[in-house]
Amino acid sequence: MRTVEEIVHIIPLGHEVDRAIKPFEKYKANRAYLLSIIENKKYSADMTEKQGLFLDVVKNKLEKGIQVRVWNVDLFDMLEVMKNIS
């Protein structure tokens, strides 16, 4: 039985768009996971709102041919990031 190869990108998303989008010019994928701080009372509403804007831009660009899943992850907590990536 032949298996279908699936290529997945995991993107810890900060306040940048190019770093998240550029790899897809060379390395195509079937799915992308965007790790982002969406809701977290530890951080200011301004920061999470700004993060949401970057998340929307990246998600909209990637959804043109790639299945995108968004995960709420505290990117300032390395243990949580590693747990979600693994």
PDB file of N, CA and C in Angstrom:
ATOM      1  N   MET A   1       0.834  -1.181   0.000  1.00  0.00           N
ATOM      2  CA  MET A   1       0.000   0.000   0.000  1.00  0.00           C
ATOM      3  C   MET A   1       0.879   1.244   0.000  1.00  0.00           C
ATOM      4  N   ARG A   2       0.583   2.145  -0.869  1.00  0.00           N
ATOM      5  CA  ARG A   2       1.365   3.368  -0.987  1.00  0.00           C
ATOM      6  C   ARG A   2       0.766   4.452  -0.100  1.00  0.00           C
ATOM      7  N   THR A   3       1.624   5.156   0.629  1.00  0.00           N
ATOM      8  CA  THR A   3       1.143   6.229   1.492  1.00  0.00           C
ATOM      9  C   THR A   3       1.303   7.577   0.792  1.00  0.00           C
ATOM     10  N   VAL A   4       0.474   8.502   1.172  1.00  0.00           N
ATOM     11  CA  VAL A   4       0.526   9.838   0.605  1.00  0.00           C
ATOM     12  C   VAL A   4       1.378  10.702   1.526  1.00  0.00           C
ATOM     13  N   GLU A   5       2.389  11.331   0.952  1.00  0.00           N
ATOM     14  CA  GLU A   5       3.258  12.204   1.737  1.00  0.00           C
ATOM     15  C   GLU A   5       2.554  13.529   1.990  1.00  0.00           C
ATOM     16  N   GLU A   6       2.628  13.976   3.221  1.00  0.00           N
ATOM     17  CA  GLU A   6       2.036  15.265   3.563  1.00  0.00           C
ATOM     18  C   GLU A   6       3.119  16.141   4.168  1.00  0.00           C
ATOM     19  N   ILE A   7       3.224  17.343   3.659  1.00  0.00           N
ATOM     20  CA  ILE A   7       4.225  18.284   4.144  1.00  0.00           C
ATOM     21  C   ILE A   7       3.519  19.318   5.005  1.00  0.00           C
ATOM     22  N   VAL A   8       4.035  19.486   6.227  1.00  0.00           N
ATOM     23  CA  VAL A   8       3.417  20.379   7.204  1.00  0.00           C
ATOM     24  C   VAL A   8       4.447  21.410   7.659  1.00  0.00           C
ATOM     25  N   HIS A   9       4.045  22.671   7.689  1.00  0.00           N
ATOM     26  CA  HIS A   9       4.878  23.738   8.231  1.00  0.00           C
ATOM     27  C   HIS A   9       4.291  24.150   9.572  1.00  0.00           C
ATOM     28  N   ILE A  10       5.157  24.334  10.570  1.00  0.00           N
ATOM     29  CA  ILE A  10       4.750  24.827  11.880  1.00  0.00           C
ATOM     30  C   ILE A  10       5.399  26.196  12.041  1.00  0.00           C
ATOM     31  N   ILE A  11       4.566  27.221  12.240  1.00  0.00           N
ATOM     32  CA  ILE A  11       5.061  28.597  12.241  1.00  0.00           C
ATOM     33  C   ILE A  11       4.739  29.283  13.557  1.00  0.00           C
ATOM     34  N   PRO A  12       5.759  29.489  14.420  1.00  0.00           N
ATOM     35  CA  PRO A  12       5.539  30.337  15.589  1.00  0.00           C
ATOM     36  C   PRO A  12       5.495  31.785  15.094  1.00  0.00           C
ATOM     37  N   LEU A  13       4.327  32.378  15.101  1.00  0.00           N
ATOM     38  CA  LEU A  13       4.130  33.672  14.454  1.00  0.00           C
ATOM     39  C   LEU A  13       4.254  34.818  15.439  1.00  0.00           C
ATOM     40  N   GLY A  14       5.169  35.714  15.131  1.00  0.00           N
ATOM     41  CA  GLY A  14       5.323  36.940  15.905  1.00  0.00           C
ATOM     42  C   GLY A  14       4.710  38.094  15.134  1.00  0.00           C
ATOM     43  N   HIS A  15       5.421  39.193  15.107  1.00  0.00           N
ATOM     44  CA  HIS A  15       4.932  40.386  14.401  1.00  0.00           C
ATOM     45  C   HIS A  15       5.643  40.530  13.061  1.00  0.00           C
ATOM     46  N   GLU A  16       5.585  39.497  12.262  1.00  0.00           N
ATOM     47  CA  GLU A  16       6.175  39.556  10.931  1.00  0.00           C
ATOM     48  C   GLU A  16       5.322  38.748   9.961  1.00  0.00           C
ATOM     49  N   VAL A  17       5.364  39.147   8.723  1.00  0.00           N
ATOM     50  CA  VAL A  17       4.613  38.439   7.690  1.00  0.00           C
ATOM     51  C   VAL A  17       5.585  37.708   6.772  1.00  0.00           C
ATOM     52  N   ASP A  18       6.627  38.395   6.313  1.00  0.00           N
ATOM     53  CA  ASP A  18       7.557  37.811   5.345  1.00  0.00           C
ATOM     54  C   ASP A  18       8.191  36.520   5.826  1.00  0.00           C
ATOM     55  N   ARG A  19       8.592  36.461   7.088  1.00  0.00           N
ATOM     56  CA  ARG A  19       9.223  35.238   7.603  1.00  0.00           C
ATOM     57  C   ARG A  19       8.272  34.058   7.582  1.00  0.00           C
ATOM     58  N   ALA A  20       6.995  34.332   7.714  1.00  0.00           N
ATOM     59  CA  ALA A  20       6.002  33.252   7.704  1.00  0.00           C
ATOM     60  C   ALA A  20       5.639  32.828   6.288  1.00  0.00           C
ATOM     61  N   ILE A  21       5.644  33.761   5.346  1.00  0.00           N
ATOM     62  CA  ILE A  21       5.189  33.499   3.975  1.00  0.00           C
ATOM     63  C   ILE A  21       6.316  33.044   3.052  1.00  0.00           C
ATOM     64  N   LYS A  22       7.479  33.617   3.196  1.00  0.00           N
ATOM     65  CA  LYS A  22       8.592  33.385   2.259  1.00  0.00           C
ATOM     66  C   LYS A  22       8.945  31.905   2.055  1.00  0.00           C
ATOM     67  N   PRO A  23       9.002  31.078   3.106  1.00  0.00           N
ATOM     68  CA  PRO A  23       9.362  29.663   2.878  1.00  0.00           C
ATOM     69  C   PRO A  23       8.430  28.932   1.909  1.00  0.00           C
ATOM     70  N   PHE A  24       7.199  29.397   1.775  1.00  0.00           N
ATOM     71  CA  PHE A  24       6.246  28.721   0.901  1.00  0.00           C
ATOM     72  C   PHE A  24       6.520  28.987  -0.581  1.00  0.00           C
ATOM     73  N   GLU A  25       7.383  29.954  -0.869  1.00  0.00           N
ATOM     74  CA  GLU A  25       7.771  30.198  -2.261  1.00  0.00           C
ATOM     75  C   GLU A  25       8.625  29.042  -2.780  1.00  0.00           C
ATOM     76  N   LYS A  26       9.414  28.439  -1.894  1.00  0.00           N
ATOM     77  CA  LYS A  26      10.303  27.354  -2.293  1.00  0.00           C
ATOM     78  C   LYS A  26       9.809  25.986  -1.815  1.00  0.00           C
ATOM     79  N   TYR A  27       9.226  25.940  -0.622  1.00  0.00           N
ATOM     80  CA  TYR A  27       8.805  24.676  -0.017  1.00  0.00           C
ATOM     81  C   TYR A  27       7.289  24.634   0.120  1.00  0.00           C
ATOM     82  N   LYS A  28       6.643  23.959  -0.772  1.00  0.00           N
ATOM     83  CA  LYS A  28       5.180  23.851  -0.745  1.00  0.00           C
ATOM     84  C   LYS A  28       4.751  22.964   0.411  1.00  0.00           C
ATOM     85  N   ALA A  29       3.518  23.138   0.848  1.00  0.00           N
ATOM     86  CA  ALA A  29       3.010  22.349   1.970  1.00  0.00           C
ATOM     87  C   ALA A  29       1.543  22.027   1.760  1.00  0.00           C
ATOM     88  N   ASN A  30       1.095  20.979   2.442  1.00  0.00           N
ATOM     89  CA  ASN A  30      -0.320  20.629   2.440  1.00  0.00           C
ATOM     90  C   ASN A  30      -1.057  21.337   3.561  1.00  0.00           C
ATOM     91  N   ARG A  31      -0.324  21.564   4.658  1.00  0.00           N
ATOM     92  CA  ARG A  31      -0.961  22.147   5.836  1.00  0.00           C
ATOM     93  C   ARG A  31       0.043  23.032   6.564  1.00  0.00           C
ATOM     94  N   ALA A  32      -0.473  24.064   7.226  1.00  0.00           N
ATOM     95  CA  ALA A  32       0.363  24.932   8.061  1.00  0.00           C
ATOM     96  C   ALA A  32      -0.327  25.154   9.396  1.00  0.00           C
ATOM     97  N   TYR A  33       0.455  25.057  10.454  1.00  0.00           N
ATOM     98  CA  TYR A  33      -0.025  25.378  11.796  1.00  0.00           C
ATOM     99  C   TYR A  33       0.569  26.722  12.183  1.00  0.00           C
ATOM    100  N   LEU A  34      -0.287  27.674  12.503  1.00  0.00           N
ATOM    101  CA  LEU A  34       0.166  28.977  12.971  1.00  0.00           C
ATOM    102  C   LEU A  34       0.039  29.001  14.490  1.00  0.00           C
ATOM    103  N   LEU A  35       1.166  29.098  15.182  1.00  0.00           N
ATOM    104  CA  LEU A  35       1.177  29.213  16.629  1.00  0.00           C
ATOM    105  C   LEU A  35       1.236  30.699  16.948  1.00  0.00           C
ATOM    106  N   SER A  36       0.280  31.181  17.699  1.00  0.00           N
ATOM    107  CA  SER A  36       0.180  32.618  17.927  1.00  0.00           C
ATOM    108  C   SER A  36      -0.485  32.909  19.263  1.00  0.00           C
ATOM    109  N   ILE A  37      -0.179  34.063  19.823  1.00  0.00           N
ATOM    110  CA  ILE A  37      -0.846  34.508  21.047  1.00  0.00           C
ATOM    111  C   ILE A  37      -2.134  35.194  20.619  1.00  0.00           C
ATOM    112  N   ILE A  38      -3.235  34.485  20.745  1.00  0.00           N
ATOM    113  CA  ILE A  38      -4.528  35.023  20.334  1.00  0.00           C
ATOM    114  C   ILE A  38      -5.222  35.647  21.534  1.00  0.00           C
ATOM    115  N   GLU A  39      -5.288  34.876  22.596  1.00  0.00           N
ATOM    116  CA  GLU A  39      -5.906  35.354  23.837  1.00  0.00           C
ATOM    117  C   GLU A  39      -5.003  34.963  24.989  1.00  0.00           C
ATOM    118  N   ASN A  40      -4.608  35.944  25.768  1.00  0.00           N
ATOM    119  CA  ASN A  40      -3.816  35.662  26.950  1.00  0.00           C
ATOM    120  C   ASN A  40      -3.861  36.901  27.836  1.00  0.00           C
ATOM    121  N   LYS A  41      -4.441  36.762  28.981  1.00  0.00           N
ATOM    122  CA  LYS A  41      -4.635  37.900  29.889  1.00  0.00           C
ATOM    123  C   LYS A  41      -3.316  38.390  30.492  1.00  0.00           C
ATOM    124  N   LYS A  42      -2.239  37.603  30.345  1.00  0.00           N
ATOM    125  CA  LYS A  42      -0.925  38.024  30.852  1.00  0.00           C
ATOM    126  C   LYS A  42      -0.371  39.217  30.086  1.00  0.00           C
ATOM    127  N   TYR A  43      -0.817  39.384  28.848  1.00  0.00           N
ATOM    128  CA  TYR A  43      -0.241  40.401  27.971  1.00  0.00           C
ATOM    129  C   TYR A  43      -1.273  41.481  27.662  1.00  0.00           C
ATOM    130  N   SER A  44      -0.788  42.630  27.269  1.00  0.00           N
ATOM    131  CA  SER A  44      -1.675  43.767  27.027  1.00  0.00           C
ATOM    132  C   SER A  44      -2.607  43.496  25.849  1.00  0.00           C
ATOM    133  N   ALA A  45      -3.765  44.111  25.916  1.00  0.00           N
ATOM    134  CA  ALA A  45      -4.747  43.981  24.833  1.00  0.00           C
ATOM    135  C   ALA A  45      -4.181  44.550  23.533  1.00  0.00           C
ATOM    136  N   ASP A  46      -3.368  45.602  23.624  1.00  0.00           N
ATOM    137  CA  ASP A  46      -2.757  46.187  22.425  1.00  0.00           C
ATOM    138  C   ASP A  46      -1.860  45.169  21.718  1.00  0.00           C
ATOM    139  N   MET A  47      -1.068  44.427  22.506  1.00  0.00           N
ATOM    140  CA  MET A  47      -0.166  43.448  21.925  1.00  0.00           C
ATOM    141  C   MET A  47      -0.938  42.315  21.261  1.00  0.00           C
ATOM    142  N   THR A  48      -1.951  41.789  21.941  1.00  0.00           N
ATOM    143  CA  THR A  48      -2.701  40.672  21.353  1.00  0.00           C
ATOM    144  C   THR A  48      -3.525  41.138  20.150  1.00  0.00           C
ATOM    145  N   GLU A  49      -3.984  42.388  20.171  1.00  0.00           N
ATOM    146  CA  GLU A  49      -4.707  42.920  19.012  1.00  0.00           C
ATOM    147  C   GLU A  49      -3.774  43.050  17.816  1.00  0.00           C
ATOM    148  N   LYS A  50      -2.564  43.569  18.053  1.00  0.00           N
ATOM    149  CA  LYS A  50      -1.576  43.691  16.977  1.00  0.00           C
ATOM    150  C   LYS A  50      -1.213  42.307  16.441  1.00  0.00           C
ATOM    151  N   GLN A  51      -1.062  41.348  17.353  1.00  0.00           N
ATOM    152  CA  GLN A  51      -0.757  39.981  16.941  1.00  0.00           C
ATOM    153  C   GLN A  51      -1.868  39.436  16.054  1.00  0.00           C
ATOM    154  N   GLY A  52      -3.111  39.742  16.401  1.00  0.00           N
ATOM    155  CA  GLY A  52      -4.249  39.288  15.607  1.00  0.00           C
ATOM    156  C   GLY A  52      -4.217  39.819  14.183  1.00  0.00           C
ATOM    157  N   LEU A  53      -3.746  41.049  14.012  1.00  0.00           N
ATOM    158  CA  LEU A  53      -3.648  41.624  12.661  1.00  0.00           C
ATOM    159  C   LEU A  53      -2.636  40.853  11.812  1.00  0.00           C
ATOM    160  N   PHE A  54      -1.472  40.550  12.395  1.00  0.00           N
ATOM    161  CA  PHE A  54      -0.460  39.777  11.665  1.00  0.00           C
ATOM    162  C   PHE A  54      -0.970  38.373  11.367  1.00  0.00           C
ATOM    163  N   LEU A  55      -1.660  37.784  12.320  1.00  0.00           N
ATOM    164  CA  LEU A  55      -2.228  36.451  12.139  1.00  0.00           C
ATOM    165  C   LEU A  55      -3.214  36.432  10.974  1.00  0.00           C
ATOM    166  N   ASP A  56      -4.084  37.428  10.903  1.00  0.00           N
ATOM    167  CA  ASP A  56      -5.069  37.492   9.813  1.00  0.00           C
ATOM    168  C   ASP A  56      -4.401  37.615   8.453  1.00  0.00           C
ATOM    169  N   VAL A  57      -3.374  38.456   8.350  1.00  0.00           N
ATOM    170  CA  VAL A  57      -2.677  38.646   7.069  1.00  0.00           C
ATOM    171  C   VAL A  57      -2.026  37.344   6.617  1.00  0.00           C
ATOM    172  N   VAL A  58      -1.285  36.714   7.517  1.00  0.00           N
ATOM    173  CA  VAL A  58      -0.586  35.466   7.164  1.00  0.00           C
ATOM    174  C   VAL A  58      -1.590  34.365   6.826  1.00  0.00           C
ATOM    175  N   LYS A  59      -2.614  34.236   7.644  1.00  0.00           N
ATOM    176  CA  LYS A  59      -3.623  33.192   7.406  1.00  0.00           C
ATOM    177  C   LYS A  59      -4.294  33.382   6.053  1.00  0.00           C
ATOM    178  N   ASN A  60      -4.685  34.599   5.720  1.00  0.00           N
ATOM    179  CA  ASN A  60      -5.344  34.867   4.437  1.00  0.00           C
ATOM    180  C   ASN A  60      -4.442  34.560   3.256  1.00  0.00           C
ATOM    181  N   LYS A  61      -3.149  34.864   3.372  1.00  0.00           N
ATOM    182  CA  LYS A  61      -2.218  34.572   2.272  1.00  0.00           C
ATOM    183  C   LYS A  61      -2.011  33.068   2.103  1.00  0.00           C
ATOM    184  N   LEU A  62      -1.926  32.344   3.220  1.00  0.00           N
ATOM    185  CA  LEU A  62      -1.659  30.908   3.138  1.00  0.00           C
ATOM    186  C   LEU A  62      -2.875  30.101   2.734  1.00  0.00           C
ATOM    187  N   GLU A  63      -4.056  30.566   3.063  1.00  0.00           N
ATOM    188  CA  GLU A  63      -5.273  29.792   2.777  1.00  0.00           C
ATOM    189  C   GLU A  63      -5.573  29.672   1.282  1.00  0.00           C
ATOM    190  N   LYS A  64      -4.793  30.308   0.468  1.00  0.00           N
ATOM    191  CA  LYS A  64      -4.970  30.179  -0.978  1.00  0.00           C
ATOM    192  C   LYS A  64      -4.232  28.939  -1.466  1.00  0.00           C
ATOM    193  N   GLY A  65      -4.654  27.783  -0.995  1.00  0.00           N
ATOM    194  CA  GLY A  65      -4.058  26.531  -1.453  1.00  0.00           C
ATOM    195  C   GLY A  65      -3.506  25.650  -0.349  1.00  0.00           C
ATOM    196  N   ILE A  66      -3.526  26.129   0.888  1.00  0.00           N
ATOM    197  CA  ILE A  66      -2.991  25.361   2.003  1.00  0.00           C
ATOM    198  C   ILE A  66      -4.024  25.332   3.115  1.00  0.00           C
ATOM    199  N   GLN A  67      -4.160  24.181   3.741  1.00  0.00           N
ATOM    200  CA  GLN A  67      -5.041  24.078   4.903  1.00  0.00           C
ATOM    201  C   GLN A  67      -4.308  24.715   6.092  1.00  0.00           C
ATOM    202  N   VAL A  68      -4.932  25.698   6.730  1.00  0.00           N
ATOM    203  CA  VAL A  68      -4.303  26.437   7.833  1.00  0.00           C
ATOM    204  C   VAL A  68      -5.057  26.167   9.129  1.00  0.00           C
ATOM    205  N   ARG A  69      -4.305  25.855  10.173  1.00  0.00           N
ATOM    206  CA  ARG A  69      -4.873  25.693  11.507  1.00  0.00           C
ATOM    207  C   ARG A  69      -4.157  26.649  12.446  1.00  0.00           C
ATOM    208  N   VAL A  70      -4.927  27.314  13.297  1.00  0.00           N
ATOM    209  CA  VAL A  70      -4.372  28.289  14.230  1.00  0.00           C
ATOM    210  C   VAL A  70      -4.455  27.725  15.646  1.00  0.00           C
ATOM    211  N   TRP A  71      -3.342  27.831  16.385  1.00  0.00           N
ATOM    212  CA  TRP A  71      -3.290  27.373  17.768  1.00  0.00           C
ATOM    213  C   TRP A  71      -2.906  28.549  18.649  1.00  0.00           C
ATOM    214  N   ASN A  72      -3.647  28.721  19.732  1.00  0.00           N
ATOM    215  CA  ASN A  72      -3.341  29.756  20.710  1.00  0.00           C
ATOM    216  C   ASN A  72      -2.226  29.243  21.615  1.00  0.00           C
ATOM    217  N   VAL A  73      -1.040  29.831  21.484  1.00  0.00           N
ATOM    218  CA  VAL A  73       0.138  29.390  22.231  1.00  0.00           C
ATOM    219  C   VAL A  73       0.851  30.620  22.784  1.00  0.00           C
ATOM    220  N   ASP A  74       1.250  30.572  24.054  1.00  0.00           N
ATOM    221  CA  ASP A  74       2.046  31.642  24.646  1.00  0.00           C
ATOM    222  C   ASP A  74       3.472  31.504  24.131  1.00  0.00           C
ATOM    223  N   LEU A  75       3.831  32.291  23.137  1.00  0.00           N
ATOM    224  CA  LEU A  75       5.135  32.178  22.497  1.00  0.00           C
ATOM    225  C   LEU A  75       6.286  32.638  23.385  1.00  0.00           C
ATOM    226  N   PHE A  76       5.990  33.279  24.506  1.00  0.00           N
ATOM    227  CA  PHE A  76       7.023  33.702  25.445  1.00  0.00           C
ATOM    228  C   PHE A  76       7.317  32.619  26.489  1.00  0.00           C
ATOM    229  N   ASP A  77       6.613  31.509  26.415  1.00  0.00           N
ATOM    230  CA  ASP A  77       6.817  30.374  27.310  1.00  0.00           C
ATOM    231  C   ASP A  77       7.375  29.225  26.468  1.00  0.00           C
ATOM    232  N   MET A  78       8.702  29.062  26.502  1.00  0.00           N
ATOM    233  CA  MET A  78       9.373  28.103  25.626  1.00  0.00           C
ATOM    234  C   MET A  78       8.877  26.674  25.843  1.00  0.00           C
ATOM    235  N   LEU A  79       8.589  26.306  27.076  1.00  0.00           N
ATOM    236  CA  LEU A  79       8.086  24.960  27.340  1.00  0.00           C
ATOM    237  C   LEU A  79       6.737  24.731  26.650  1.00  0.00           C
ATOM    238  N   GLU A  80       5.855  25.721  26.701  1.00  0.00           N
ATOM    239  CA  GLU A  80       4.560  25.596  26.028  1.00  0.00           C
ATOM    240  C   GLU A  80       4.729  25.524  24.520  1.00  0.00           C
ATOM    241  N   VAL A  81       5.651  26.309  23.983  1.00  0.00           N
ATOM    242  CA  VAL A  81       5.903  26.273  22.532  1.00  0.00           C
ATOM    243  C   VAL A  81       6.389  24.886  22.127  1.00  0.00           C
ATOM    244  N   MET A  82       7.373  24.365  22.847  1.00  0.00           N
ATOM    245  CA  MET A  82       7.905  23.042  22.512  1.00  0.00           C
ATOM    246  C   MET A  82       6.851  21.962  22.647  1.00  0.00           C
ATOM    247  N   LYS A  83       6.014  22.061  23.664  1.00  0.00           N
ATOM    248  CA  LYS A  83       4.935  21.081  23.859  1.00  0.00           C
ATOM    249  C   LYS A  83       3.978  21.088  22.666  1.00  0.00           C
ATOM    250  N   ASN A  84       3.649  22.262  22.166  1.00  0.00           N
ATOM    251  CA  ASN A  84       2.718  22.356  21.047  1.00  0.00           C
ATOM    252  C   ASN A  84       3.353  21.948  19.725  1.00  0.00           C
ATOM    253  N   ILE A  85       4.618  22.209  19.568  1.00  0.00           N
ATOM    254  CA  ILE A  85       5.311  21.789  18.342  1.00  0.00           C
ATOM    255  C   ILE A  85       5.454  20.272  18.306  1.00  0.00           C
ATOM    256  N   SER A  86       5.743  19.682  19.443  1.00  0.00           N
ATOM    257  CA  SER A  86       5.942  18.231  19.437  1.00  0.00           C
ATOM    258  C   SER A  86       4.617  17.519  19.272  1.00  0.00           C
TER     259      SER A  86
END
